[in-house]
């Protein structure tokens, strides 16, 4: 099992739009494509309160490549993303990392 950590840094004031998109659109499409979320977090204390951090659980990098590509090219996603950004860009920057649990991690 590996985990992908993604941090979305939003355009100022656009975090609510990103949260709404995940809650009402993105997660349903992830279910369709078999993408398993492992937690979502907003920043309470840190450099910016305009960030969303989340984790996705993958069995392998090959699984990630196949499922993420299918999601990113899904016409429903492309249309929904364009529609939710009609009032302007939501995400300014995305940073992601692939993490492997240690032998002593409570998460495996």
Protein backbone atom coordinates (compact mmCIF):
# COMPACT_ATOMS: atom_id res chain seq x y z
CA UNK A 1 0.00 0.00 0.00
CA UNK A 2 1.21 3.49 -0.83
CA UNK A 3 -0.40 6.82 -0.07
CA UNK A 4 -0.49 9.86 -2.25
CA UNK A 5 -0.55 13.14 -0.38
CA UNK A 6 -1.88 16.06 -2.40
CA UNK A 7 -1.92 19.68 -1.22
CA UNK A 8 -4.08 22.11 -3.17
CA UNK A 9 -3.25 25.76 -2.63
CA UNK A 10 -6.27 27.75 -3.67
CA UNK A 11 -6.60 31.12 -5.29
CA UNK A 12 -7.45 33.46 -2.35
CA UNK A 13 -11.09 33.08 -1.35
CA UNK A 14 -11.72 29.99 -3.54
CA UNK A 15 -11.29 27.23 -0.93
CA UNK A 16 -15.08 26.97 -0.37
CA UNK A 17 -15.56 26.32 -4.10
CA UNK A 18 -12.93 23.56 -4.01
CA UNK A 19 -14.50 21.91 -0.96
CA UNK A 20 -17.93 22.01 -2.60
CA UNK A 21 -16.55 20.48 -5.81
CA UNK A 22 -14.99 17.59 -3.91
CA UNK A 23 -18.09 17.00 -1.81
CA UNK A 24 -20.64 17.16 -4.64
CA UNK A 25 -18.74 16.04 -7.76
CA UNK A 26 -15.21 14.70 -7.40
CA UNK A 27 -15.79 12.00 -4.78
CA UNK A 28 -18.64 10.48 -6.82
CA UNK A 29 -16.34 10.27 -9.83
CA UNK A 30 -13.60 8.76 -7.69
CA UNK A 31 -16.05 6.05 -6.62
CA UNK A 32 -16.83 5.41 -10.29
CA UNK A 33 -13.11 4.94 -11.01
CA UNK A 34 -12.27 2.97 -7.84
CA UNK A 35 -10.16 5.72 -6.25
CA UNK A 36 -10.03 5.34 -2.44
CA UNK A 37 -9.62 8.47 -0.36
CA UNK A 38 -7.83 8.14 2.98
CA UNK A 39 -8.68 11.53 4.49
CA UNK A 40 -9.22 15.21 3.75
CA UNK A 41 -7.94 18.10 5.84
CA UNK A 42 -8.04 21.88 5.80
CA UNK A 43 -5.25 23.87 7.41
CA UNK A 44 -6.16 25.13 10.87
CA UNK A 45 -2.73 26.58 11.71
CA UNK A 46 0.01 26.96 9.12
CA UNK A 47 1.35 29.07 6.32
CA UNK A 48 -2.05 29.39 4.61
CA UNK A 49 -5.66 28.69 5.48
CA UNK A 50 -6.41 28.43 1.75
CA UNK A 51 -5.14 24.83 1.48
CA UNK A 52 -6.76 21.45 1.18
CA UNK A 53 -4.60 18.42 1.96
CA UNK A 54 -5.81 14.92 1.21
CA UNK A 55 -4.56 11.36 0.95
CA UNK A 56 -5.41 8.63 -1.54
CA UNK A 57 -4.65 4.96 -0.87
CA UNK A 58 -3.17 2.97 -3.76
CA UNK A 59 -2.13 -0.66 -4.03
CA UNK A 60 0.68 0.32 -6.43
CA UNK A 61 1.96 3.09 -8.68
CA UNK A 62 0.59 1.13 -11.63
CA UNK A 63 -2.91 1.22 -10.11
CA UNK A 64 -2.53 4.96 -9.55
CA UNK A 65 -1.49 5.56 -13.14
CA UNK A 66 -4.39 3.60 -14.57
CA UNK A 67 -7.16 4.95 -12.32
CA UNK A 68 -5.93 8.55 -12.12
CA UNK A 69 -5.60 8.76 -15.91
CA UNK A 70 -9.11 7.37 -16.35
CA UNK A 71 -10.47 9.94 -13.88
CA UNK A 72 -8.56 12.90 -15.35
CA UNK A 73 -9.78 12.10 -18.88
CA UNK A 74 -13.38 11.29 -17.92
CA UNK A 75 -15.65 13.61 -19.97
CA UNK A 76 -17.94 14.07 -16.97
CA UNK A 77 -14.97 15.33 -14.89
CA UNK A 78 -13.72 17.61 -17.66
CA UNK A 79 -17.16 19.17 -18.04
CA UNK A 80 -17.74 19.50 -14.28
CA UNK A 81 -14.32 21.04 -13.74
CA UNK A 82 -14.91 23.60 -16.48
CA UNK A 83 -18.34 24.40 -15.08
CA UNK A 84 -17.04 24.90 -11.52
CA UNK A 85 -14.31 27.22 -12.82
CA UNK A 86 -16.58 29.43 -14.92
CA UNK A 87 -16.19 32.14 -12.24
CA UNK A 88 -12.40 31.77 -12.28
CA UNK A 89 -9.61 29.41 -11.43
CA UNK A 90 -9.94 27.60 -8.08
CA UNK A 91 -6.55 25.97 -7.51
CA UNK A 92 -3.36 27.99 -7.81
CA UNK A 93 -0.85 25.19 -7.13
CA UNK A 94 -0.82 21.44 -6.47
CA UNK A 95 1.96 19.58 -4.69
CA UNK A 96 1.90 15.82 -4.38
CA UNK A 97 4.07 13.12 -2.85
CA UNK A 98 3.90 9.34 -2.77
CA UNK A 99 4.43 7.94 0.72
CA UNK A 100 5.19 4.42 1.87
CA UNK A 101 4.26 3.45 5.45
CA UNK A 102 7.11 2.39 7.71
CA UNK A 103 7.14 -1.01 9.42
CA UNK A 104 6.00 0.67 12.66
CA UNK A 105 3.28 2.88 11.17
CA UNK A 106 -0.27 2.54 12.49
CA UNK A 107 -1.39 3.11 8.89
CA UNK A 108 -0.47 0.39 6.41
